């Protein structure tokens, strides 16, 4: 995924945004995902004028900008994932038993 995003950015844009701008964008996208989850599973009902959004699209937006942040700051997401999973496996080994 990181290579696909990097190739797309290199051929279709002027480059990655600065990390702080990307963080603001990630915050916006997480907010849109939160709003959709709240409409579907929470107490806040959707207004009749609001369009129906797909969860897959909102999650995809969050994933895309997170990949952009990782690429522009030199973070290997597979390595980051493996490290956090190892942390949880050690910390929570017997937590739910």
PDB file of N, CA and C in Angstrom:
ATOM      1  N   UNK A   1       0.824  -1.188   0.000  1.00  0.00           N
ATOM      2  CA  UNK A   1       0.000   0.000   0.000  1.00  0.00           C
ATOM      3  C   UNK A   1       0.870   1.253   0.000  1.00  0.00           C
ATOM      4  N   UNK A   2       1.947   1.218   0.781  1.00  0.00           N
ATOM      5  CA  UNK A   2       2.791   2.407   0.849  1.00  0.00           C
ATOM      6  C   UNK A   2       3.406   2.732  -0.510  1.00  0.00           C
ATOM      7  N   UNK A   3       3.839   1.720  -1.236  1.00  0.00           N
ATOM      8  CA  UNK A   3       4.424   1.959  -2.556  1.00  0.00           C
ATOM      9  C   UNK A   3       3.381   2.490  -3.532  1.00  0.00           C
ATOM     10  N   UNK A   4       2.180   1.927  -3.504  1.00  0.00           N
ATOM     11  CA  UNK A   4       1.120   2.391  -4.400  1.00  0.00           C
ATOM     12  C   UNK A   4       0.813   3.867  -4.160  1.00  0.00           C
ATOM     13  N   UNK A   5       0.689   4.243  -2.902  1.00  0.00           N
ATOM     14  CA  UNK A   5       0.407   5.643  -2.572  1.00  0.00           C
ATOM     15  C   UNK A   5       1.577   6.522  -2.996  1.00  0.00           C
ATOM     16  N   UNK A   6       2.800   6.084  -2.721  1.00  0.00           N
ATOM     17  CA  UNK A   6       3.968   6.876  -3.081  1.00  0.00           C
ATOM     18  C   UNK A   6       4.051   7.074  -4.598  1.00  0.00           C
ATOM     19  N   UNK A   7       3.819   6.008  -5.354  1.00  0.00           N
ATOM     20  CA  UNK A   7       3.831   6.119  -6.818  1.00  0.00           C
ATOM     21  C   UNK A   7       2.755   7.096  -7.292  1.00  0.00           C
ATOM     22  N   UNK A   8       1.577   7.018  -6.696  1.00  0.00           N
ATOM     23  CA  UNK A   8       0.489   7.910  -7.096  1.00  0.00           C
ATOM     24  C   UNK A   8       0.821   9.359  -6.785  1.00  0.00           C
ATOM     25  N   UNK A   9       1.341   9.594  -5.594  1.00  0.00           N
ATOM     26  CA  UNK A   9       1.713  10.962  -5.187  1.00  0.00           C
ATOM     27  C   UNK A   9       2.764  11.515  -6.141  1.00  0.00           C
ATOM     28  N   UNK A  10       3.760  10.704  -6.476  1.00  0.00           N
ATOM     29  CA  UNK A  10       4.860  11.162  -7.335  1.00  0.00           C
ATOM     30  C   UNK A  10       4.401  11.480  -8.753  1.00  0.00           C
ATOM     31  N   UNK A  11       3.387  10.776  -9.247  1.00  0.00           N
ATOM     32  CA  UNK A  11       2.970  10.984 -10.632  1.00  0.00           C
ATOM     33  C   UNK A  11       1.754  11.893 -10.787  1.00  0.00           C
ATOM     34  N   UNK A  12       1.017  12.156  -9.705  1.00  0.00           N
ATOM     35  CA  UNK A  12      -0.235  12.905  -9.827  1.00  0.00           C
ATOM     36  C   UNK A  12      -0.317  14.166  -8.979  1.00  0.00           C
ATOM     37  N   UNK A  13       0.699  14.441  -8.193  1.00  0.00           N
ATOM     38  CA  UNK A  13       0.655  15.626  -7.334  1.00  0.00           C
ATOM     39  C   UNK A  13       2.019  16.318  -7.347  1.00  0.00           C
ATOM     40  N   UNK A  14       2.116  17.407  -6.595  1.00  0.00           N
ATOM     41  CA  UNK A  14       3.393  18.110  -6.460  1.00  0.00           C
ATOM     42  C   UNK A  14       4.208  17.574  -5.288  1.00  0.00           C
ATOM     43  N   UNK A  15       3.721  16.528  -4.655  1.00  0.00           N
ATOM     44  CA  UNK A  15       4.441  15.924  -3.543  1.00  0.00           C
ATOM     45  C   UNK A  15       3.587  15.891  -2.292  1.00  0.00           C
ATOM     46  N   UNK A  16       4.152  15.329  -1.259  1.00  0.00           N
ATOM     47  CA  UNK A  16       3.440  15.214   0.012  1.00  0.00           C
ATOM     48  C   UNK A  16       3.283  16.575   0.669  1.00  0.00           C
ATOM     49  N   UNK A  17       2.174  16.726   1.358  1.00  0.00           N
ATOM     50  CA  UNK A  17       1.993  17.914   2.185  1.00  0.00           C
ATOM     51  C   UNK A  17       2.937  17.832   3.375  1.00  0.00           C
ATOM     52  N   UNK A  18       3.126  18.949   4.036  1.00  0.00           N
ATOM     53  CA  UNK A  18       3.926  18.952   5.262  1.00  0.00           C
ATOM     54  C   UNK A  18       3.200  18.128   6.320  1.00  0.00           C
ATOM     55  N   UNK A  19       3.951  17.494   7.220  1.00  0.00           N
ATOM     56  CA  UNK A  19       3.334  16.608   8.218  1.00  0.00           C
ATOM     57  C   UNK A  19       2.199  17.247   9.028  1.00  0.00           C
ATOM     58  N   UNK A  20       2.331  18.503   9.402  1.00  0.00           N
ATOM     59  CA  UNK A  20       1.271  19.132  10.194  1.00  0.00           C
ATOM     60  C   UNK A  20      -0.014  19.273   9.376  1.00  0.00           C
ATOM     61  N   UNK A  21       0.114  19.602   8.106  1.00  0.00           N
ATOM     62  CA  UNK A  21      -1.060  19.683   7.241  1.00  0.00           C
ATOM     63  C   UNK A  21      -1.697  18.307   7.058  1.00  0.00           C
ATOM     64  N   UNK A  22      -0.860  17.288   6.953  1.00  0.00           N
ATOM     65  CA  UNK A  22      -1.382  15.924   6.839  1.00  0.00           C
ATOM     66  C   UNK A  22      -2.105  15.514   8.124  1.00  0.00           C
ATOM     67  N   UNK A  23      -1.571  15.929   9.248  1.00  0.00           N
ATOM     68  CA  UNK A  23      -2.213  15.606  10.525  1.00  0.00           C
ATOM     69  C   UNK A  23      -3.578  16.266  10.617  1.00  0.00           C
ATOM     70  N   UNK A  24      -3.675  17.498  10.155  1.00  0.00           N
ATOM     71  CA  UNK A  24      -4.969  18.181  10.143  1.00  0.00           C
ATOM     72  C   UNK A  24      -5.944  17.429   9.244  1.00  0.00           C
ATOM     73  N   UNK A  25      -5.468  16.980   8.103  1.00  0.00           N
ATOM     74  CA  UNK A  25      -6.313  16.212   7.178  1.00  0.00           C
ATOM     75  C   UNK A  25      -6.751  14.900   7.814  1.00  0.00           C
ATOM     76  N   UNK A  26      -5.834  14.221   8.505  1.00  0.00           N
ATOM     77  CA  UNK A  26      -6.190  12.973   9.182  1.00  0.00           C
ATOM     78  C   UNK A  26      -7.268  13.225  10.224  1.00  0.00           C
ATOM     79  N   UNK A  27      -7.144  14.311  10.957  1.00  0.00           N
ATOM     80  CA  UNK A  27      -8.140  14.663  11.966  1.00  0.00           C
ATOM     81  C   UNK A  27      -9.505  14.879  11.325  1.00  0.00           C
ATOM     82  N   UNK A  28      -9.525  15.547  10.188  1.00  0.00           N
ATOM     83  CA  UNK A  28     -10.783  15.754   9.462  1.00  0.00           C
ATOM     84  C   UNK A  28     -11.400  14.418   9.059  1.00  0.00           C
ATOM     85  N   UNK A  29     -10.584  13.542   8.508  1.00  0.00           N
ATOM     86  CA  UNK A  29     -11.089  12.254   8.024  1.00  0.00           C
ATOM     87  C   UNK A  29     -11.568  11.368   9.176  1.00  0.00           C
ATOM     88  N   UNK A  30     -10.848  11.374  10.293  1.00  0.00           N
ATOM     89  CA  UNK A  30     -11.287  10.605  11.462  1.00  0.00           C
ATOM     90  C   UNK A  30     -12.603  11.166  11.976  1.00  0.00           C
ATOM     91  N   UNK A  31     -12.762  12.485  11.925  1.00  0.00           N
ATOM     92  CA  UNK A  31     -14.022  13.102  12.327  1.00  0.00           C
ATOM     93  C   UNK A  31     -15.178  12.656  11.449  1.00  0.00           C
ATOM     94  N   UNK A  32     -14.942  12.555  10.143  1.00  0.00           N
ATOM     95  CA  UNK A  32     -15.991  12.093   9.237  1.00  0.00           C
ATOM     96  C   UNK A  32     -16.350  10.639   9.521  1.00  0.00           C
ATOM     97  N   UNK A  33     -15.350   9.820   9.818  1.00  0.00           N
ATOM     98  CA  UNK A  33     -15.603   8.429  10.175  1.00  0.00           C
ATOM     99  C   UNK A  33     -16.377   8.349  11.489  1.00  0.00           C
ATOM    100  N   UNK A  34     -15.982   9.154  12.462  1.00  0.00           N
ATOM    101  CA  UNK A  34     -16.675   9.172  13.752  1.00  0.00           C
ATOM    102  C   UNK A  34     -18.136   9.569  13.591  1.00  0.00           C
ATOM    103  N   UNK A  35     -18.367  10.552  12.758  1.00  0.00           N
ATOM    104  CA  UNK A  35     -19.740  11.008  12.512  1.00  0.00           C
ATOM    105  C   UNK A  35     -20.586   9.888  11.906  1.00  0.00           C
ATOM    106  N   UNK A  36     -20.019   9.177  10.952  1.00  0.00           N
ATOM    107  CA  UNK A  36     -20.748   8.086  10.306  1.00  0.00           C
ATOM    108  C   UNK A  36     -21.030   6.954  11.296  1.00  0.00           C
ATOM    109  N   UNK A  37     -20.055   6.618  12.119  1.00  0.00           N
ATOM    110  CA  UNK A  37     -20.256   5.578  13.128  1.00  0.00           C
ATOM    111  C   UNK A  37     -21.317   6.019  14.124  1.00  0.00           C
ATOM    112  N   UNK A  38     -21.274   7.279  14.517  1.00  0.00           N
ATOM    113  CA  UNK A  38     -22.272   7.794  15.457  1.00  0.00           C
ATOM    114  C   UNK A  38     -23.674   7.728  14.857  1.00  0.00           C
ATOM    115  N   UNK A  39     -23.797   8.047  13.574  1.00  0.00           N
ATOM    116  CA  UNK A  39     -25.112   7.968  12.919  1.00  0.00           C
ATOM    117  C   UNK A  39     -25.612   6.528  12.848  1.00  0.00           C
ATOM    118  N   UNK A  40     -24.732   5.610  12.585  1.00  0.00           N
ATOM    119  CA  UNK A  40     -25.145   4.212  12.412  1.00  0.00           C
ATOM    120  C   UNK A  40     -25.357   3.479  13.733  1.00  0.00           C
ATOM    121  N   UNK A  41     -24.491   3.739  14.694  1.00  0.00           N
ATOM    122  CA  UNK A  41     -24.495   2.934  15.917  1.00  0.00           C
ATOM    123  C   UNK A  41     -24.758   3.733  17.183  1.00  0.00           C
ATOM    124  N   UNK A  42     -24.772   5.032  17.085  1.00  0.00           N
ATOM    125  CA  UNK A  42     -24.975   5.871  18.254  1.00  0.00           C
ATOM    126  C   UNK A  42     -26.386   6.419  18.317  1.00  0.00           C
ATOM    127  N   UNK A  43     -26.574   7.348  19.211  1.00  0.00           N
ATOM    128  CA  UNK A  43     -27.896   7.938  19.431  1.00  0.00           C
ATOM    129  C   UNK A  43     -28.208   9.073  18.450  1.00  0.00           C
ATOM    130  N   UNK A  44     -27.189   9.598  17.790  1.00  0.00           N
ATOM    131  CA  UNK A  44     -27.403  10.748  16.908  1.00  0.00           C
ATOM    132  C   UNK A  44     -27.894  10.273  15.532  1.00  0.00           C
ATOM    133  N   UNK A  45     -29.123  10.590  15.221  1.00  0.00           N
ATOM    134  CA  UNK A  45     -29.652  10.192  13.925  1.00  0.00           C
ATOM    135  C   UNK A  45     -29.233  11.182  12.850  1.00  0.00           C
ATOM    136  N   UNK A  46     -29.179  10.692  11.648  1.00  0.00           N
ATOM    137  CA  UNK A  46     -28.794  11.507  10.505  1.00  0.00           C
ATOM    138  C   UNK A  46     -29.933  12.435  10.110  1.00  0.00           C
ATOM    139  N   UNK A  47     -29.594  13.669   9.755  1.00  0.00           N
ATOM    140  CA  UNK A  47     -30.603  14.611   9.260  1.00  0.00           C
ATOM    141  C   UNK A  47     -31.083  14.144   7.891  1.00  0.00           C
ATOM    142  N   UNK A  48     -32.297  14.497   7.550  1.00  0.00           N
ATOM    143  CA  UNK A  48     -32.845  14.081   6.262  1.00  0.00           C
ATOM    144  C   UNK A  48     -32.076  14.683   5.092  1.00  0.00           C
ATOM    145  N   UNK A  49     -31.372  15.777   5.341  1.00  0.00           N
ATOM    146  CA  UNK A  49     -30.618  16.446   4.276  1.00  0.00           C
ATOM    147  C   UNK A  49     -29.198  15.894   4.119  1.00  0.00           C
ATOM    148  N   UNK A  50     -28.769  15.039   5.061  1.00  0.00           N
ATOM    149  CA  UNK A  50     -27.414  14.494   5.002  1.00  0.00           C
ATOM    150  C   UNK A  50     -27.373  13.252   4.121  1.00  0.00           C
ATOM    151  N   UNK A  51     -26.328  13.181   3.288  1.00  0.00           N
ATOM    152  CA  UNK A  51     -26.177  12.030   2.415  1.00  0.00           C
ATOM    153  C   UNK A  51     -25.642  10.827   3.181  1.00  0.00           C
ATOM    154  N   UNK A  52     -25.979   9.652   2.693  1.00  0.00           N
ATOM    155  CA  UNK A  52     -25.491   8.408   3.280  1.00  0.00           C
ATOM    156  C   UNK A  52     -24.058   8.187   2.806  1.00  0.00           C
ATOM    157  N   UNK A  53     -23.147   7.964   3.725  1.00  0.00           N
ATOM    158  CA  UNK A  53     -21.756   7.698   3.363  1.00  0.00           C
ATOM    159  C   UNK A  53     -21.451   6.239   3.659  1.00  0.00           C
ATOM    160  N   UNK A  54     -20.539   5.698   2.922  1.00  0.00           N
ATOM    161  CA  UNK A  54     -20.166   4.307   3.129  1.00  0.00           C
ATOM    162  C   UNK A  54     -19.001   4.225   4.103  1.00  0.00           C
ATOM    163  N   UNK A  55     -19.084   3.271   5.025  1.00  0.00           N
ATOM    164  CA  UNK A  55     -18.013   3.078   6.004  1.00  0.00           C
ATOM    165  C   UNK A  55     -16.691   2.758   5.301  1.00  0.00           C
ATOM    166  N   UNK A  56     -16.763   1.945   4.254  1.00  0.00           N
ATOM    167  CA  UNK A  56     -15.537   1.566   3.557  1.00  0.00           C
ATOM    168  C   UNK A  56     -14.833   2.784   2.983  1.00  0.00           C
ATOM    169  N   UNK A  57     -15.581   3.746   2.500  1.00  0.00           N
ATOM    170  CA  UNK A  57     -15.000   4.965   1.954  1.00  0.00           C
ATOM    171  C   UNK A  57     -14.354   5.805   3.052  1.00  0.00           C
ATOM    172  N   UNK A  58     -15.037   5.938   4.181  1.00  0.00           N
ATOM    173  CA  UNK A  58     -14.492   6.741   5.286  1.00  0.00           C
ATOM    174  C   UNK A  58     -13.233   6.098   5.868  1.00  0.00           C
ATOM    175  N   UNK A  59     -13.258   4.778   6.037  1.00  0.00           N
ATOM    176  CA  UNK A  59     -12.069   4.081   6.542  1.00  0.00           C
ATOM    177  C   UNK A  59     -10.939   4.180   5.525  1.00  0.00           C
ATOM    178  N   UNK A  60     -11.271   4.075   4.246  1.00  0.00           N
ATOM    179  CA  UNK A  60     -10.268   4.222   3.192  1.00  0.00           C
ATOM    180  C   UNK A  60      -9.604   5.587   3.216  1.00  0.00           C
ATOM    181  N   UNK A  61     -10.384   6.639   3.448  1.00  0.00           N
ATOM    182  CA  UNK A  61      -9.819   7.991   3.537  1.00  0.00           C
ATOM    183  C   UNK A  61      -8.823   8.095   4.687  1.00  0.00           C
ATOM    184  N   UNK A  62      -9.183   7.525   5.833  1.00  0.00           N
ATOM    185  CA  UNK A  62      -8.287   7.551   6.999  1.00  0.00           C
ATOM    186  C   UNK A  62      -7.006   6.779   6.687  1.00  0.00           C
ATOM    187  N   UNK A  63      -7.154   5.600   6.090  1.00  0.00           N
ATOM    188  CA  UNK A  63      -5.993   4.778   5.763  1.00  0.00           C
ATOM    189  C   UNK A  63      -5.070   5.484   4.770  1.00  0.00           C
ATOM    190  N   UNK A  64      -5.656   6.098   3.754  1.00  0.00           N
ATOM    191  CA  UNK A  64      -4.853   6.785   2.738  1.00  0.00           C
ATOM    192  C   UNK A  64      -4.000   7.898   3.352  1.00  0.00           C
ATOM    193  N   UNK A  65      -4.604   8.753   4.146  1.00  0.00           N
ATOM    194  CA  UNK A  65      -3.828   9.865   4.685  1.00  0.00           C
ATOM    195  C   UNK A  65      -2.823   9.378   5.725  1.00  0.00           C
ATOM    196  N   UNK A  66      -3.143   8.308   6.443  1.00  0.00           N
ATOM    197  CA  UNK A  66      -2.180   7.726   7.377  1.00  0.00           C
ATOM    198  C   UNK A  66      -0.967   7.179   6.619  1.00  0.00           C
ATOM    199  N   UNK A  67      -1.210   6.559   5.471  1.00  0.00           N
ATOM    200  CA  UNK A  67      -0.112   6.079   4.634  1.00  0.00           C
ATOM    201  C   UNK A  67       0.711   7.257   4.136  1.00  0.00           C
ATOM    202  N   UNK A  68       0.062   8.347   3.754  1.00  0.00           N
ATOM    203  CA  UNK A  68       0.796   9.547   3.326  1.00  0.00           C
ATOM    204  C   UNK A  68       1.707  10.064   4.436  1.00  0.00           C
ATOM    205  N   UNK A  69       1.189  10.095   5.644  1.00  0.00           N
ATOM    206  CA  UNK A  69       2.003  10.552   6.780  1.00  0.00           C
ATOM    207  C   UNK A  69       3.194   9.631   6.976  1.00  0.00           C
ATOM    208  N   UNK A  70       2.946   8.336   6.940  1.00  0.00           N
ATOM    209  CA  UNK A  70       4.036   7.369   7.120  1.00  0.00           C
ATOM    210  C   UNK A  70       5.085   7.534   6.025  1.00  0.00           C
ATOM    211  N   UNK A  71       4.643   7.624   4.781  1.00  0.00           N
ATOM    212  CA  UNK A  71       5.592   7.763   3.671  1.00  0.00           C
ATOM    213  C   UNK A  71       6.428   9.029   3.787  1.00  0.00           C
ATOM    214  N   UNK A  72       5.796  10.130   4.097  1.00  0.00           N
ATOM    215  CA  UNK A  72       6.525  11.395   4.111  1.00  0.00           C
ATOM    216  C   UNK A  72       7.437  11.549   5.321  1.00  0.00           C
ATOM    217  N   UNK A  73       7.230  10.727   6.348  1.00  0.00           N
ATOM    218  CA  UNK A  73       8.083  10.796   7.537  1.00  0.00           C
ATOM    219  C   UNK A  73       9.006   9.588   7.674  1.00  0.00           C
ATOM    220  N   UNK A  74       8.981   8.698   6.675  1.00  0.00           N
ATOM    221  CA  UNK A  74       9.906   7.564   6.669  1.00  0.00           C
ATOM    222  C   UNK A  74       9.530   6.414   7.584  1.00  0.00           C
ATOM    223  N   UNK A  75       8.254   6.267   7.877  1.00  0.00           N
ATOM    224  CA  UNK A  75       7.806   5.176   8.744  1.00  0.00           C
ATOM    225  C   UNK A  75       7.348   4.002   7.888  1.00  0.00           C
ATOM    226  N   UNK A  76       7.896   2.823   8.167  1.00  0.00           N
ATOM    227  CA  UNK A  76       7.462   1.591   7.511  1.00  0.00           C
ATOM    228  C   UNK A  76       6.264   1.066   8.295  1.00  0.00           C
ATOM    229  N   UNK A  77       5.097   1.082   7.673  1.00  0.00           N
ATOM    230  CA  UNK A  77       3.872   0.697   8.385  1.00  0.00           C
ATOM    231  C   UNK A  77       3.848  -0.773   8.793  1.00  0.00           C
ATOM    232  N   UNK A  78       4.433  -1.638   8.006  1.00  0.00           N
ATOM    233  CA  UNK A  78       4.478  -3.047   8.389  1.00  0.00           C
ATOM    234  C   UNK A  78       5.319  -3.223   9.647  1.00  0.00           C
ATOM    235  N   UNK A  79       6.443  -2.540   9.704  1.00  0.00           N
ATOM    236  CA  UNK A  79       7.295  -2.585  10.889  1.00  0.00           C
ATOM    237  C   UNK A  79       6.568  -1.984  12.097  1.00  0.00           C
ATOM    238  N   UNK A  80       5.899  -0.852  11.894  1.00  0.00           N
ATOM    239  CA  UNK A  80       5.155  -0.212  12.984  1.00  0.00           C
ATOM    240  C   UNK A  80       4.058  -1.136  13.502  1.00  0.00           C
ATOM    241  N   UNK A  81       3.348  -1.784  12.584  1.00  0.00           N
ATOM    242  CA  UNK A  81       2.285  -2.713  12.976  1.00  0.00           C
ATOM    243  C   UNK A  81       2.848  -3.884  13.768  1.00  0.00           C
ATOM    244  N   UNK A  82       3.922  -4.469  13.286  1.00  0.00           N
ATOM    245  CA  UNK A  82       4.516  -5.615  13.992  1.00  0.00           C
ATOM    246  C   UNK A  82       4.986  -5.229  15.388  1.00  0.00           C
ATOM    247  N   UNK A  83       5.553  -4.045  15.527  1.00  0.00           N
ATOM    248  CA  UNK A  83       6.025  -3.594  16.840  1.00  0.00           C
ATOM    249  C   UNK A  83       4.859  -3.368  17.804  1.00  0.00           C
ATOM    250  N   UNK A  84       3.784  -2.761  17.336  1.00  0.00           N
ATOM    251  CA  UNK A  84       2.659  -2.506  18.229  1.00  0.00           C
ATOM    252  C   UNK A  84       1.955  -3.814  18.591  1.00  0.00           C
ATOM    253  N   UNK A  85       1.868  -4.745  17.653  1.00  0.00           N
ATOM    254  CA  UNK A  85       1.250  -6.032  17.953  1.00  0.00           C
ATOM    255  C   UNK A  85       2.080  -6.792  18.988  1.00  0.00           C
ATOM    256  N   UNK A  86       3.394  -6.734  18.856  1.00  0.00           N
ATOM    257  CA  UNK A  86       4.278  -7.367  19.832  1.00  0.00           C
ATOM    258  C   UNK A  86       4.085  -6.738  21.221  1.00  0.00           C
ATOM    259  N   UNK A  87       3.943  -5.418  21.261  1.00  0.00           N
ATOM    260  CA  UNK A  87       3.711  -4.716  22.527  1.00  0.00           C
ATOM    261  C   UNK A  87       2.418  -5.199  23.181  1.00  0.00           C
ATOM    262  N   UNK A  88       1.357  -5.284  22.384  1.00  0.00           N
ATOM    263  CA  UNK A  88       0.070  -5.729  22.926  1.00  0.00           C
ATOM    264  C   UNK A  88       0.120  -7.187  23.364  1.00  0.00           C
ATOM    265  N   UNK A  89       0.806  -8.015  22.597  1.00  0.00           N
ATOM    266  CA  UNK A  89       0.908  -9.430  22.958  1.00  0.00           C
ATOM    267  C   UNK A  89       1.612  -9.605  24.304  1.00  0.00           C
ATOM    268  N   UNK A  90       2.645  -8.823  24.544  1.00  0.00           N
ATOM    269  CA  UNK A  90       3.366  -8.898  25.821  1.00  0.00           C
ATOM    270  C   UNK A  90       2.531  -8.305  26.951  1.00  0.00           C
ATOM    271  N   UNK A  91       2.006  -7.128  26.731  1.00  0.00           N
ATOM    272  CA  UNK A  91       1.288  -6.406  27.777  1.00  0.00           C
ATOM    273  C   UNK A  91      -0.020  -7.074  28.164  1.00  0.00           C
ATOM    274  N   UNK A  92      -0.730  -7.570  27.196  1.00  0.00           N
ATOM    275  CA  UNK A  92      -2.079  -8.088  27.449  1.00  0.00           C
ATOM    276  C   UNK A  92      -2.183  -9.612  27.354  1.00  0.00           C
ATOM    277  N   UNK A  93      -1.049 -10.280  27.448  1.00  0.00           N
ATOM    278  CA  UNK A  93      -0.997 -11.731  27.292  1.00  0.00           C
ATOM    279  C   UNK A  93      -2.063 -12.453  28.105  1.00  0.00           C
ATOM    280  N   UNK A  94      -2.217 -12.097  29.351  1.00  0.00           N
ATOM    281  CA  UNK A  94      -3.169 -12.781  30.226  1.00  0.00           C
ATOM    282  C   UNK A  94      -4.327 -11.886  30.653  1.00  0.00           C
ATOM    283  N   UNK A  95      -4.457 -10.775  30.034  1.00  0.00           N
ATOM    284  CA  UNK A  95      -5.453  -9.786  30.441  1.00  0.00           C
ATOM    285  C   UNK A  95      -6.888 -10.250  30.269  1.00  0.00           C
ATOM    286  N   UNK A  96      -7.194 -10.956  29.224  1.00  0.00           N
ATOM    287  CA  UNK A  96      -8.575 -11.309  28.904  1.00  0.00           C
ATOM    288  C   UNK A  96      -8.905 -12.765  29.204  1.00  0.00           C
ATOM    289  N   UNK A  97      -8.089 -13.423  29.979  1.00  0.00           N
ATOM    290  CA  UNK A  97      -8.326 -14.845  30.312  1.00  0.00           C
ATOM    291  C   UNK A  97      -8.938 -14.989  31.650  1.00  0.00           C
TER     292      UNK A  97
END
